[in-house]
Amino acid sequence: MILEKYFKSFTYAIAGIGYAFRSQVNMRFHIIAALVVIISAIILHLSPLEWCIVLLCIGSVIAAELINTSIEINVDLLSPERNVKAGNIKDLAAAAVLVICAVSAIIGLIVFIPKIIHFI
């Protein structure tokens, strides 16, 4: 019974990721970018620590995008008409994703540039 409850919660979480992937252009971009990064990491033989850092960045960006999507849906549900404060909420959530993406990109450059230079 308990395992069935946990299995259902995973099913809901996967459904949420699927919904975000189908409905959000930015989520599709992040997933494709993550795949490119993972393939690059395999080719460039990242160390275990570098893998951990890269995967943490990928997970942070995708999680932030999921939270942003959730916030946007909630704001649209609670305030279907145009509202300045609702717009501010959505802008702030999008800004959080932007910050995580920017930091992750910088971390990616720090990790990958030396590997690319050595690879060439």
PDB file of N, CA and C in Angstrom:
ATOM      1  N   MET A   1       0.815  -1.192   0.000  1.00  0.00           N
ATOM      2  CA  MET A   1       0.000   0.000   0.000  1.00  0.00           C
ATOM      3  C   MET A   1       0.864   1.264   0.000  1.00  0.00           C
ATOM      4  N   ILE A   2       1.886   1.280   0.843  1.00  0.00           N
ATOM      5  CA  ILE A   2       2.767   2.445   0.924  1.00  0.00           C
ATOM      6  C   ILE A   2       3.553   2.604  -0.375  1.00  0.00           C
ATOM      7  N   LEU A   3       4.046   1.483  -0.910  1.00  0.00           N
ATOM      8  CA  LEU A   3       4.782   1.558  -2.171  1.00  0.00           C
ATOM      9  C   LEU A   3       3.902   2.067  -3.298  1.00  0.00           C
ATOM     10  N   GLU A   4       2.632   1.680  -3.290  1.00  0.00           N
ATOM     11  CA  GLU A   4       1.708   2.151  -4.321  1.00  0.00           C
ATOM     12  C   GLU A   4       1.540   3.665  -4.241  1.00  0.00           C
ATOM     13  N   LYS A   5       1.487   4.200  -3.022  1.00  0.00           N
ATOM     14  CA  LYS A   5       1.369   5.655  -2.818  1.00  0.00           C
ATOM     15  C   LYS A   5       2.599   6.378  -3.373  1.00  0.00           C
ATOM     16  N   TYR A   6       3.786   5.846  -3.089  1.00  0.00           N
ATOM     17  CA  TYR A   6       5.011   6.459  -3.592  1.00  0.00           C
ATOM     18  C   TYR A   6       5.089   6.365  -5.115  1.00  0.00           C
ATOM     19  N   PHE A   7       4.688   5.224  -5.659  1.00  0.00           N
ATOM     20  CA  PHE A   7       4.697   5.048  -7.108  1.00  0.00           C
ATOM     21  C   PHE A   7       3.776   6.063  -7.769  1.00  0.00           C
ATOM     22  N   LYS A   8       2.607   6.279  -7.174  1.00  0.00           N
ATOM     23  CA  LYS A   8       1.670   7.261  -7.731  1.00  0.00           C
ATOM     24  C   LYS A   8       2.265   8.661  -7.698  1.00  0.00           C
ATOM     25  N   SER A   9       2.970   9.007  -6.624  1.00  0.00           N
ATOM     26  CA  SER A   9       3.562  10.347  -6.546  1.00  0.00           C
ATOM     27  C   SER A   9       4.630  10.527  -7.624  1.00  0.00           C
ATOM     28  N   PHE A  10       5.397   9.485  -7.920  1.00  0.00           N
ATOM     29  CA  PHE A  10       6.369   9.567  -9.014  1.00  0.00           C
ATOM     30  C   PHE A  10       5.661   9.726 -10.355  1.00  0.00           C
ATOM     31  N   THR A  11       4.545   9.033 -10.507  1.00  0.00           N
ATOM     32  CA  THR A  11       3.759   9.139 -11.738  1.00  0.00           C
ATOM     33  C   THR A  11       3.282  10.572 -11.943  1.00  0.00           C
ATOM     34  N   TYR A  12       2.811  11.204 -10.857  1.00  0.00           N
ATOM     35  CA  TYR A  12       2.361  12.595 -10.959  1.00  0.00           C
ATOM     36  C   TYR A  12       3.522  13.524 -11.304  1.00  0.00           C
ATOM     37  N   ALA A  13       4.668  13.287 -10.695  1.00  0.00           N
ATOM     38  CA  ALA A  13       5.836  14.127 -10.970  1.00  0.00           C
ATOM     39  C   ALA A  13       6.273  13.992 -12.419  1.00  0.00           C
ATOM     40  N   ILE A  14       6.290  12.785 -12.927  1.00  0.00           N
ATOM     41  CA  ILE A  14       6.670  12.574 -14.331  1.00  0.00           C
ATOM     42  C   ILE A  14       5.647  13.206 -15.258  1.00  0.00           C
ATOM     43  N   ALA A  15       4.375  13.131 -14.875  1.00  0.00           N
ATOM     44  CA  ALA A  15       3.328  13.790 -15.668  1.00  0.00           C
ATOM     45  C   ALA A  15       3.560  15.298 -15.697  1.00  0.00           C
ATOM     46  N   GLY A  16       4.005  15.864 -14.583  1.00  0.00           N
ATOM     47  CA  GLY A  16       4.302  17.294 -14.529  1.00  0.00           C
ATOM     48  C   GLY A  16       5.449  17.671 -15.452  1.00  0.00           C
ATOM     49  N   ILE A  17       6.485  16.853 -15.458  1.00  0.00           N
ATOM     50  CA  ILE A  17       7.612  17.108 -16.362  1.00  0.00           C
ATOM     51  C   ILE A  17       7.138  17.002 -17.809  1.00  0.00           C
ATOM     52  N   GLY A  18       6.320  15.996 -18.088  1.00  0.00           N
ATOM     53  CA  GLY A  18       5.787  15.833 -19.441  1.00  0.00           C
ATOM     54  C   GLY A  18       4.934  17.018 -19.859  1.00  0.00           C
ATOM     55  N   TYR A  19       4.086  17.494 -18.949  1.00  0.00           N
ATOM     56  CA  TYR A  19       3.253  18.657 -19.258  1.00  0.00           C
ATOM     57  C   TYR A  19       4.131  19.873 -19.563  1.00  0.00           C
ATOM     58  N   ALA A  20       5.130  20.102 -18.724  1.00  0.00           N
ATOM     59  CA  ALA A  20       6.017  21.252 -18.944  1.00  0.00           C
ATOM     60  C   ALA A  20       6.747  21.117 -20.278  1.00  0.00           C
ATOM     61  N   PHE A  21       7.194  19.914 -20.599  1.00  0.00           N
ATOM     62  CA  PHE A  21       7.909  19.698 -21.861  1.00  0.00           C
ATOM     63  C   PHE A  21       6.996  19.967 -23.061  1.00  0.00           C
ATOM     64  N   ARG A  22       5.750  19.497 -22.982  1.00  0.00           N
ATOM     65  CA  ARG A  22       4.813  19.681 -24.097  1.00  0.00           C
ATOM     66  C   ARG A  22       4.330  21.121 -24.228  1.00  0.00           C
ATOM     67  N   SER A  23       4.207  21.827 -23.120  1.00  0.00           N
ATOM     68  CA  SER A  23       3.552  23.135 -23.162  1.00  0.00           C
ATOM     69  C   SER A  23       4.502  24.329 -23.102  1.00  0.00           C
ATOM     70  N   GLN A  24       5.751  24.108 -22.719  1.00  0.00           N
ATOM     71  CA  GLN A  24       6.665  25.224 -22.507  1.00  0.00           C
ATOM     72  C   GLN A  24       7.866  25.141 -23.453  1.00  0.00           C
ATOM     73  N   VAL A  25       7.989  26.124 -24.307  1.00  0.00           N
ATOM     74  CA  VAL A  25       9.115  26.174 -25.244  1.00  0.00           C
ATOM     75  C   VAL A  25      10.436  26.211 -24.480  1.00  0.00           C
ATOM     76  N   ASN A  26      10.487  26.985 -23.410  1.00  0.00           N
ATOM     77  CA  ASN A  26      11.732  27.098 -22.640  1.00  0.00           C
ATOM     78  C   ASN A  26      12.138  25.756 -22.029  1.00  0.00           C
ATOM     79  N   MET A  27      11.167  24.960 -21.589  1.00  0.00           N
ATOM     80  CA  MET A  27      11.501  23.658 -21.023  1.00  0.00           C
ATOM     81  C   MET A  27      12.094  22.758 -22.100  1.00  0.00           C
ATOM     82  N   ARG A  28      11.526  22.783 -23.289  1.00  0.00           N
ATOM     83  CA  ARG A  28      12.096  21.982 -24.381  1.00  0.00           C
ATOM     84  C   ARG A  28      13.522  22.438 -24.675  1.00  0.00           C
ATOM     85  N   PHE A  29      13.750  23.739 -24.684  1.00  0.00           N
ATOM     86  CA  PHE A  29      15.104  24.261 -24.906  1.00  0.00           C
ATOM     87  C   PHE A  29      16.053  23.756 -23.822  1.00  0.00           C
ATOM     88  N   HIS A  30      15.634  23.831 -22.559  1.00  0.00           N
ATOM     89  CA  HIS A  30      16.501  23.401 -21.449  1.00  0.00           C
ATOM     90  C   HIS A  30      16.811  21.908 -21.527  1.00  0.00           C
ATOM     91  N   ILE A  31      15.829  21.109 -21.895  1.00  0.00           N
ATOM     92  CA  ILE A  31      16.056  19.660 -22.014  1.00  0.00           C
ATOM     93  C   ILE A  31      17.027  19.360 -23.159  1.00  0.00           C
ATOM     94  N   ILE A  32      16.849  20.023 -24.283  1.00  0.00           N
ATOM     95  CA  ILE A  32      17.753  19.823 -25.422  1.00  0.00           C
ATOM     96  C   ILE A  32      19.164  20.296 -25.057  1.00  0.00           C
ATOM     97  N   ALA A  33      19.256  21.445 -24.395  1.00  0.00           N
ATOM     98  CA  ALA A  33      20.567  21.940 -23.954  1.00  0.00           C
ATOM     99  C   ALA A  33      21.211  20.959 -22.982  1.00  0.00           C
ATOM    100  N   ALA A  34      20.419  20.394 -22.083  1.00  0.00           N
ATOM    101  CA  ALA A  34      20.947  19.418 -21.120  1.00  0.00           C
ATOM    102  C   ALA A  34      21.494  18.192 -21.846  1.00  0.00           C
ATOM    103  N   LEU A  35      20.788  17.722 -22.861  1.00  0.00           N
ATOM    104  CA  LEU A  35      21.268  16.574 -23.628  1.00  0.00           C
ATOM    105  C   LEU A  35      22.578  16.880 -24.344  1.00  0.00           C
ATOM    106  N   VAL A  36      22.678  18.089 -24.905  1.00  0.00           N
ATOM    107  CA  VAL A  36      23.926  18.508 -25.568  1.00  0.00           C
ATOM    108  C   VAL A  36      25.065  18.539 -24.550  1.00  0.00           C
ATOM    109  N   VAL A  37      24.797  19.067 -23.373  1.00  0.00           N
ATOM    110  CA  VAL A  37      25.823  19.150 -22.318  1.00  0.00           C
ATOM    111  C   VAL A  37      26.236  17.745 -21.884  1.00  0.00           C
ATOM    112  N   ILE A  38      25.271  16.858 -21.696  1.00  0.00           N
ATOM    113  CA  ILE A  38      25.588  15.489 -21.263  1.00  0.00           C
ATOM    114  C   ILE A  38      26.412  14.762 -22.323  1.00  0.00           C
ATOM    115  N   ILE A  39      26.052  14.900 -23.581  1.00  0.00           N
ATOM    116  CA  ILE A  39      26.829  14.270 -24.662  1.00  0.00           C
ATOM    117  C   ILE A  39      28.244  14.853 -24.700  1.00  0.00           C
ATOM    118  N   SER A  40      28.347  16.165 -24.537  1.00  0.00           N
ATOM    119  CA  SER A  40      29.669  16.815 -24.505  1.00  0.00           C
ATOM    120  C   SER A  40      30.488  16.317 -23.319  1.00  0.00           C
ATOM    121  N   ALA A  41      29.834  16.151 -22.190  1.00  0.00           N
ATOM    122  CA  ALA A  41      30.532  15.675 -20.988  1.00  0.00           C
ATOM    123  C   ALA A  41      31.059  14.263 -21.185  1.00  0.00           C
ATOM    124  N   ILE A  42      30.296  13.433 -21.873  1.00  0.00           N
ATOM    125  CA  ILE A  42      30.750  12.068 -22.165  1.00  0.00           C
ATOM    126  C   ILE A  42      31.960  12.103 -23.095  1.00  0.00           C
ATOM    127  N   ILE A  43      31.871  12.902 -24.148  1.00  0.00           N
ATOM    128  CA  ILE A  43      32.961  12.996 -25.128  1.00  0.00           C
ATOM    129  C   ILE A  43      34.232  13.547 -24.485  1.00  0.00           C
ATOM    130  N   LEU A  44      34.072  14.531 -23.597  1.00  0.00           N
ATOM    131  CA  LEU A  44      35.235  15.202 -23.001  1.00  0.00           C
ATOM    132  C   LEU A  44      35.719  14.544 -21.708  1.00  0.00           C
ATOM    133  N   HIS A  45      35.098  13.428 -21.316  1.00  0.00           N
ATOM    134  CA  HIS A  45      35.529  12.649 -20.156  1.00  0.00           C
ATOM    135  C   HIS A  45      35.629  13.495 -18.883  1.00  0.00           C
ATOM    136  N   LEU A  46      34.514  14.062 -18.479  1.00  0.00           N
ATOM    137  CA  LEU A  46      34.496  14.838 -17.243  1.00  0.00           C
ATOM    138  C   LEU A  46      34.831  13.942 -16.051  1.00  0.00           C
ATOM    139  N   SER A  47      35.459  14.536 -15.061  1.00  0.00           N
ATOM    140  CA  SER A  47      35.767  13.820 -13.821  1.00  0.00           C
ATOM    141  C   SER A  47      34.465  13.636 -13.034  1.00  0.00           C
ATOM    142  N   PRO A  48      34.464  12.741 -12.042  1.00  0.00           N
ATOM    143  CA  PRO A  48      33.252  12.573 -11.227  1.00  0.00           C
ATOM    144  C   PRO A  48      32.788  13.884 -10.570  1.00  0.00           C
ATOM    145  N   LEU A  49      33.699  14.681 -10.083  1.00  0.00           N
ATOM    146  CA  LEU A  49      33.323  15.952  -9.477  1.00  0.00           C
ATOM    147  C   LEU A  49      32.721  16.898 -10.519  1.00  0.00           C
ATOM    148  N   GLU A  50      33.324  16.957 -11.699  1.00  0.00           N
ATOM    149  CA  GLU A  50      32.777  17.797 -12.770  1.00  0.00           C
ATOM    150  C   GLU A  50      31.380  17.326 -13.176  1.00  0.00           C
ATOM    151  N   TRP A  51      31.185  16.005 -13.223  1.00  0.00           N
ATOM    152  CA  TRP A  51      29.857  15.459 -13.521  1.00  0.00           C
ATOM    153  C   TRP A  51      28.846  15.919 -12.476  1.00  0.00           C
ATOM    154  N   CYS A  52      29.236  15.858 -11.217  1.00  0.00           N
ATOM    155  CA  CYS A  52      28.332  16.279 -10.142  1.00  0.00           C
ATOM    156  C   CYS A  52      27.943  17.745 -10.300  1.00  0.00           C
ATOM    157  N   ILE A  53      28.926  18.576 -10.608  1.00  0.00           N
ATOM    158  CA  ILE A  53      28.660  20.009 -10.764  1.00  0.00           C
ATOM    159  C   ILE A  53      27.733  20.251 -11.961  1.00  0.00           C
ATOM    160  N   VAL A  54      28.030  19.617 -13.077  1.00  0.00           N
ATOM    161  CA  VAL A  54      27.222  19.795 -14.294  1.00  0.00           C
ATOM    162  C   VAL A  54      25.798  19.291 -14.064  1.00  0.00           C
ATOM    163  N   LEU A  55      25.656  18.121 -13.448  1.00  0.00           N
ATOM    164  CA  LEU A  55      24.323  17.582 -13.196  1.00  0.00           C
ATOM    165  C   LEU A  55      23.537  18.438 -12.204  1.00  0.00           C
ATOM    166  N   LEU A  56      24.226  18.999 -11.230  1.00  0.00           N
ATOM    167  CA  LEU A  56      23.558  19.909 -10.295  1.00  0.00           C
ATOM    168  C   LEU A  56      23.054  21.156 -11.035  1.00  0.00           C
ATOM    169  N   CYS A  57      23.846  21.666 -11.945  1.00  0.00           N
ATOM    170  CA  CYS A  57      23.411  22.821 -12.747  1.00  0.00           C
ATOM    171  C   CYS A  57      22.210  22.458 -13.621  1.00  0.00           C
ATOM    172  N   ILE A  58      22.267  21.321 -14.293  1.00  0.00           N
ATOM    173  CA  ILE A  58      21.152  20.894 -15.145  1.00  0.00           C
ATOM    174  C   ILE A  58      19.887  20.733 -14.304  1.00  0.00           C
ATOM    175  N   GLY A  59      20.007  20.048 -13.183  1.00  0.00           N
ATOM    176  CA  GLY A  59      18.856  19.839 -12.314  1.00  0.00           C
ATOM    177  C   GLY A  59      18.292  21.146 -11.782  1.00  0.00           C
ATOM    178  N   SER A  60      19.166  22.085 -11.448  1.00  0.00           N
ATOM    179  CA  SER A  60      18.710  23.384 -10.934  1.00  0.00           C
ATOM    180  C   SER A  60      17.936  24.162 -11.983  1.00  0.00           C
ATOM    181  N   VAL A  61      18.434  24.163 -13.203  1.00  0.00           N
ATOM    182  CA  VAL A  61      17.761  24.891 -14.282  1.00  0.00           C
ATOM    183  C   VAL A  61      16.394  24.270 -14.574  1.00  0.00           C
ATOM    184  N   ILE A  62      16.343  22.953 -14.675  1.00  0.00           N
ATOM    185  CA  ILE A  62      15.075  22.294 -14.979  1.00  0.00           C
ATOM    186  C   ILE A  62      14.089  22.473 -13.826  1.00  0.00           C
ATOM    187  N   ALA A  63      14.562  22.338 -12.590  1.00  0.00           N
ATOM    188  CA  ALA A  63      13.683  22.546 -11.434  1.00  0.00           C
ATOM    189  C   ALA A  63      13.165  23.981 -11.398  1.00  0.00           C
ATOM    190  N   ALA A  64      14.037  24.939 -11.675  1.00  0.00           N
ATOM    191  CA  ALA A  64      13.607  26.342 -11.685  1.00  0.00           C
ATOM    192  C   ALA A  64      12.552  26.576 -12.762  1.00  0.00           C
ATOM    193  N   GLU A  65      12.730  25.971 -13.911  1.00  0.00           N
ATOM    194  CA  GLU A  65      11.747  26.123 -14.989  1.00  0.00           C
ATOM    195  C   GLU A  65      10.412  25.483 -14.609  1.00  0.00           C
ATOM    196  N   LEU A  66      10.451  24.351 -13.928  1.00  0.00           N
ATOM    197  CA  LEU A  66       9.219  23.714 -13.458  1.00  0.00           C
ATOM    198  C   LEU A  66       8.502  24.594 -12.431  1.00  0.00           C
ATOM    199  N   ILE A  67       9.256  25.171 -11.511  1.00  0.00           N
ATOM    200  CA  ILE A  67       8.665  26.069 -10.509  1.00  0.00           C
ATOM    201  C   ILE A  67       8.102  27.307 -11.188  1.00  0.00           C
ATOM    202  N   ASN A  68       8.835  27.856 -12.140  1.00  0.00           N
ATOM    203  CA  ASN A  68       8.362  29.028 -12.883  1.00  0.00           C
ATOM    204  C   ASN A  68       7.053  28.718 -13.607  1.00  0.00           C
ATOM    205  N   THR A  69       6.994  27.573 -14.254  1.00  0.00           N
ATOM    206  CA  THR A  69       5.772  27.181 -14.959  1.00  0.00           C
ATOM    207  C   THR A  69       4.614  27.050 -13.976  1.00  0.00           C
ATOM    208  N   SER A  70       4.873  26.444 -12.830  1.00  0.00           N
ATOM    209  CA  SER A  70       3.842  26.292 -11.811  1.00  0.00           C
ATOM    210  C   SER A  70       3.343  27.650 -11.326  1.00  0.00           C
ATOM    211  N   ILE A  71       4.252  28.563 -11.091  1.00  0.00           N
ATOM    212  CA  ILE A  71       3.869  29.909 -10.646  1.00  0.00           C
ATOM    213  C   ILE A  71       3.042  30.602 -11.721  1.00  0.00           C
ATOM    214  N   GLU A  72       3.475  30.514 -12.963  1.00  0.00           N
ATOM    215  CA  GLU A  72       2.726  31.155 -14.053  1.00  0.00           C
ATOM    216  C   GLU A  72       1.309  30.600 -14.160  1.00  0.00           C
ATOM    217  N   ILE A  73       1.155  29.293 -14.054  1.00  0.00           N
ATOM    218  CA  ILE A  73      -0.172  28.679 -14.134  1.00  0.00           C
ATOM    219  C   ILE A  73      -1.040  29.145 -12.962  1.00  0.00           C
ATOM    220  N   ASN A  74      -0.451  29.174 -11.782  1.00  0.00           N
ATOM    221  CA  ASN A  74      -1.208  29.620 -10.607  1.00  0.00           C
ATOM    222  C   ASN A  74      -1.631  31.078 -10.725  1.00  0.00           C
ATOM    223  N   VAL A  75      -0.746  31.925 -11.182  1.00  0.00           N
ATOM    224  CA  VAL A  75      -1.080  33.343 -11.340  1.00  0.00           C
ATOM    225  C   VAL A  75      -2.186  33.499 -12.377  1.00  0.00           C
ATOM    226  N   ASP A  76      -2.084  32.785 -13.491  1.00  0.00           N
ATOM    227  CA  ASP A  76      -3.126  32.860 -14.521  1.00  0.00           C
ATOM    228  C   ASP A  76      -4.475  32.367 -13.989  1.00  0.00           C
ATOM    229  N   LEU A  77      -4.431  31.341 -13.153  1.00  0.00           N
ATOM    230  CA  LEU A  77      -5.659  30.804 -12.576  1.00  0.00           C
ATOM    231  C   LEU A  77      -6.292  31.797 -11.593  1.00  0.00           C
ATOM    232  N   LEU A  78      -5.462  32.405 -10.753  1.00  0.00           N
ATOM    233  CA  LEU A  78      -5.975  33.304  -9.718  1.00  0.00           C
ATOM    234  C   LEU A  78      -6.266  34.705 -10.226  1.00  0.00           C
ATOM    235  N   SER A  79      -5.599  35.091 -11.295  1.00  0.00           N
ATOM    236  CA  SER A  79      -5.778  36.443 -11.817  1.00  0.00           C
ATOM    237  C   SER A  79      -5.825  36.401 -13.343  1.00  0.00           C
ATOM    238  N   PRO A  80      -6.938  35.916 -13.905  1.00  0.00           N
ATOM    239  CA  PRO A  80      -7.014  35.782 -15.368  1.00  0.00           C
ATOM    240  C   PRO A  80      -6.992  37.129 -16.094  1.00  0.00           C
ATOM    241  N   GLU A  81      -7.442  38.169 -15.445  1.00  0.00           N
ATOM    242  CA  GLU A  81      -7.400  39.497 -16.072  1.00  0.00           C
ATOM    243  C   GLU A  81      -6.008  40.097 -15.864  1.00  0.00           C
ATOM    244  N   ARG A  82      -5.689  41.068 -16.679  1.00  0.00           N
ATOM    245  CA  ARG A  82      -4.386  41.733 -16.595  1.00  0.00           C
ATOM    246  C   ARG A  82      -4.268  42.442 -15.254  1.00  0.00           C
ATOM    247  N   ASN A  83      -3.144  42.203 -14.580  1.00  0.00           N
ATOM    248  CA  ASN A  83      -2.921  42.759 -13.250  1.00  0.00           C
ATOM    249  C   ASN A  83      -1.427  43.016 -13.095  1.00  0.00           C
ATOM    250  N   VAL A  84      -1.082  44.228 -12.668  1.00  0.00           N
ATOM    251  CA  VAL A  84       0.332  44.599 -12.552  1.00  0.00           C
ATOM    252  C   VAL A  84       1.063  43.696 -11.563  1.00  0.00           C
ATOM    253  N   LYS A  85       0.475  43.441 -10.419  1.00  0.00           N
ATOM    254  CA  LYS A  85       1.145  42.597  -9.410  1.00  0.00           C
ATOM    255  C   LYS A  85       1.284  41.161  -9.904  1.00  0.00           C
ATOM    256  N   ALA A  86       0.278  40.658 -10.613  1.00  0.00           N
ATOM    257  CA  ALA A  86       0.384  39.314 -11.189  1.00  0.00           C
ATOM    258  C   ALA A  86       1.532  39.272 -12.196  1.00  0.00           C
ATOM    259  N   GLY A  87       1.649  40.321 -12.987  1.00  0.00           N
ATOM    260  CA  GLY A  87       2.763  40.411 -13.939  1.00  0.00           C
ATOM    261  C   GLY A  87       4.107  40.447 -13.231  1.00  0.00           C
ATOM    262  N   ASN A  88       4.171  41.183 -12.112  1.00  0.00           N
ATOM    263  CA  ASN A  88       5.413  41.239 -11.335  1.00  0.00           C
ATOM    264  C   ASN A  88       5.802  39.858 -10.802  1.00  0.00           C
ATOM    265  N   ILE A  89       4.805  39.112 -10.332  1.00  0.00           N
ATOM    266  CA  ILE A  89       5.066  37.763  -9.820  1.00  0.00           C
ATOM    267  C   ILE A  89       5.662  36.890 -10.925  1.00  0.00           C
ATOM    268  N   LYS A  90       5.065  36.936 -12.093  1.00  0.00           N
ATOM    269  CA  LYS A  90       5.558  36.126 -13.217  1.00  0.00           C
ATOM    270  C   LYS A  90       6.950  36.573 -13.649  1.00  0.00           C
ATOM    271  N   ASP A  91       7.185  37.886 -13.648  1.00  0.00           N
ATOM    272  CA  ASP A  91       8.510  38.407 -14.006  1.00  0.00           C
ATOM    273  C   ASP A  91       9.568  37.958 -13.006  1.00  0.00           C
ATOM    274  N   LEU A  92       9.229  37.973 -11.721  1.00  0.00           N
ATOM    275  CA  LEU A  92      10.180  37.546 -10.696  1.00  0.00           C
ATOM    276  C   LEU A  92      10.523  36.063 -10.831  1.00  0.00           C
ATOM    277  N   ALA A  93       9.513  35.246 -11.108  1.00  0.00           N
ATOM    278  CA  ALA A  93       9.768  33.815 -11.289  1.00  0.00           C
ATOM    279  C   ALA A  93      10.652  33.572 -12.513  1.00  0.00           C
ATOM    280  N   ALA A  94      10.379  34.310 -13.591  1.00  0.00           N
ATOM    281  CA  ALA A  94      11.211  34.184 -14.795  1.00  0.00           C
ATOM    282  C   ALA A  94      12.630  34.676 -14.526  1.00  0.00           C
ATOM    283  N   ALA A  95      12.757  35.724 -13.710  1.00  0.00           N
ATOM    284  CA  ALA A  95      14.084  36.242 -13.367  1.00  0.00           C
ATOM    285  C   ALA A  95      14.891  35.207 -12.591  1.00  0.00           C
ATOM    286  N   ALA A  96      14.226  34.454 -11.725  1.00  0.00           N
ATOM    287  CA  ALA A  96      14.925  33.400 -10.975  1.00  0.00           C
ATOM    288  C   ALA A  96      15.495  32.352 -11.923  1.00  0.00           C
ATOM    289  N   VAL A  97      14.722  31.981 -12.932  1.00  0.00           N
ATOM    290  CA  VAL A  97      15.211  31.024 -13.931  1.00  0.00           C
ATOM    291  C   VAL A  97      16.402  31.616 -14.679  1.00  0.00           C
ATOM    292  N   LEU A  98      16.302  32.885 -15.043  1.00  0.00           N
ATOM    293  CA  LEU A  98      17.391  33.546 -15.758  1.00  0.00           C
ATOM    294  C   LEU A  98      18.681  33.548 -14.934  1.00  0.00           C
ATOM    295  N   VAL A  99      18.570  33.835 -13.646  1.00  0.00           N
ATOM    296  CA  VAL A  99      19.759  33.860 -12.775  1.00  0.00           C
ATOM    297  C   VAL A  99      20.391  32.473 -12.721  1.00  0.00           C
ATOM    298  N   ILE A 100      19.581  31.452 -12.519  1.00  0.00           N
ATOM    299  CA  ILE A 100      20.120  30.088 -12.446  1.00  0.00           C
ATOM    300  C   ILE A 100      20.745  29.675 -13.774  1.00  0.00           C
ATOM    301  N   CYS A 101      20.097  30.061 -14.879  1.00  0.00           N
ATOM    302  CA  CYS A 101      20.660  29.748 -16.205  1.00  0.00           C
ATOM    303  C   CYS A 101      21.996  30.455 -16.417  1.00  0.00           C
ATOM    304  N   ALA A 102      22.075  31.720 -16.040  1.00  0.00           N
ATOM    305  CA  ALA A 102      23.317  32.483 -16.225  1.00  0.00           C
ATOM    306  C   ALA A 102      24.449  31.886 -15.398  1.00  0.00           C
ATOM    307  N   VAL A 103      24.169  31.591 -14.143  1.00  0.00           N
ATOM    308  CA  VAL A 103      25.203  31.007 -13.278  1.00  0.00           C
ATOM    309  C   VAL A 103      25.611  29.629 -13.801  1.00  0.00           C
ATOM    310  N   SER A 104      24.640  28.838 -14.234  1.00  0.00           N
ATOM    311  CA  SER A 104      24.948  27.510 -14.776  1.00  0.00           C
ATOM    312  C   SER A 104      25.778  27.610 -16.053  1.00  0.00           C
ATOM    313  N   ALA A 105      25.492  28.594 -16.883  1.00  0.00           N
ATOM    314  CA  ALA A 105      26.281  28.788 -18.108  1.00  0.00           C
ATOM    315  C   ALA A 105      27.724  29.158 -17.758  1.00  0.00           C
ATOM    316  N   ILE A 106      27.898  30.024 -16.777  1.00  0.00           N
ATOM    317  CA  ILE A 106      29.257  30.402 -16.351  1.00  0.00           C
ATOM    318  C   ILE A 106      29.989  29.187 -15.798  1.00  0.00           C
ATOM    319  N   ILE A 107      29.307  28.406 -14.965  1.00  0.00           N
ATOM    320  CA  ILE A 107      29.916  27.186 -14.427  1.00  0.00           C
ATOM    321  C   ILE A 107      30.273  26.235 -15.573  1.00  0.00           C
ATOM    322  N   GLY A 108      29.367  26.120 -16.548  1.00  0.00           N
ATOM    323  CA  GLY A 108      29.640  25.274 -17.709  1.00  0.00           C
ATOM    324  C   GLY A 108      30.889  25.713 -18.452  1.00  0.00           C
ATOM    325  N   LEU A 109      31.045  27.014 -18.622  1.00  0.00           N
ATOM    326  CA  LEU A 109      32.254  27.520 -19.286  1.00  0.00           C
ATOM    327  C   LEU A 109      33.503  27.189 -18.475  1.00  0.00           C
ATOM    328  N   ILE A 110      33.427  27.340 -17.171  1.00  0.00           N
ATOM    329  CA  ILE A 110      34.577  27.041 -16.304  1.00  0.00           C
ATOM    330  C   ILE A 110      34.954  25.561 -16.411  1.00  0.00           C
ATOM    331  N   VAL A 111      33.956  24.695 -16.466  1.00  0.00           N
ATOM    332  CA  VAL A 111      34.215  23.253 -16.536  1.00  0.00           C
ATOM    333  C   VAL A 111      34.646  22.831 -17.938  1.00  0.00           C
ATOM    334  N   PHE A 112      33.963  23.341 -18.966  1.00  0.00           N
ATOM    335  CA  PHE A 112      34.171  22.813 -20.317  1.00  0.00           C
ATOM    336  C   PHE A 112      35.313  23.468 -21.094  1.00  0.00           C
ATOM    337  N   ILE A 113      35.568  24.736 -20.900  1.00  0.00           N
ATOM    338  CA  ILE A 113      36.613  25.394 -21.712  1.00  0.00           C
ATOM    339  C   ILE A 113      37.972  24.707 -21.572  1.00  0.00           C
ATOM    340  N   PRO A 114      38.466  24.422 -20.363  1.00  0.00           N
ATOM    341  CA  PRO A 114      39.752  23.715 -20.285  1.00  0.00           C
ATOM    342  C   PRO A 114      39.718  22.339 -20.960  1.00  0.00           C
ATOM    343  N   LYS A 115      38.590  21.650 -20.858  1.00  0.00           N
ATOM    344  CA  LYS A 115      38.476  20.325 -21.494  1.00  0.00           C
ATOM    345  C   LYS A 115      38.497  20.462 -23.017  1.00  0.00           C
ATOM    346  N   ILE A 116      37.814  21.479 -23.538  1.00  0.00           N
ATOM    347  CA  ILE A 116      37.776  21.693 -24.985  1.00  0.00           C
ATOM    348  C   ILE A 116      39.158  22.076 -25.494  1.00  0.00           C
ATOM    349  N   ILE A 117      39.838  22.963 -24.772  1.00  0.00           N
ATOM    350  CA  ILE A 117      41.201  23.371 -25.170  1.00  0.00           C
ATOM    351  C   ILE A 117      42.126  22.170 -25.181  1.00  0.00           C
ATOM    352  N   HIS A 118      42.018  21.321 -24.176  1.00  0.00           N
ATOM    353  CA  HIS A 118      42.871  20.130 -24.096  1.00  0.00           C
ATOM    354  C   HIS A 118      42.499  19.114 -25.182  1.00  0.00           C
ATOM    355  N   PHE A 119      41.220  19.066 -25.539  1.00  0.00           N
ATOM    356  CA  PHE A 119      40.721  18.133 -26.546  1.00  0.00           C
ATOM    357  C   PHE A 119      41.211  18.498 -27.940  1.00  0.00           C
ATOM    358  N   ILE A 120      41.357  19.815 -28.198  1.00  0.00           N
ATOM    359  CA  ILE A 120      41.741  20.303 -29.524  1.00  0.00           C
ATOM    360  C   ILE A 120      43.178  20.083 -29.802  1.00  0.00           C
TER     361      ILE A 120
END
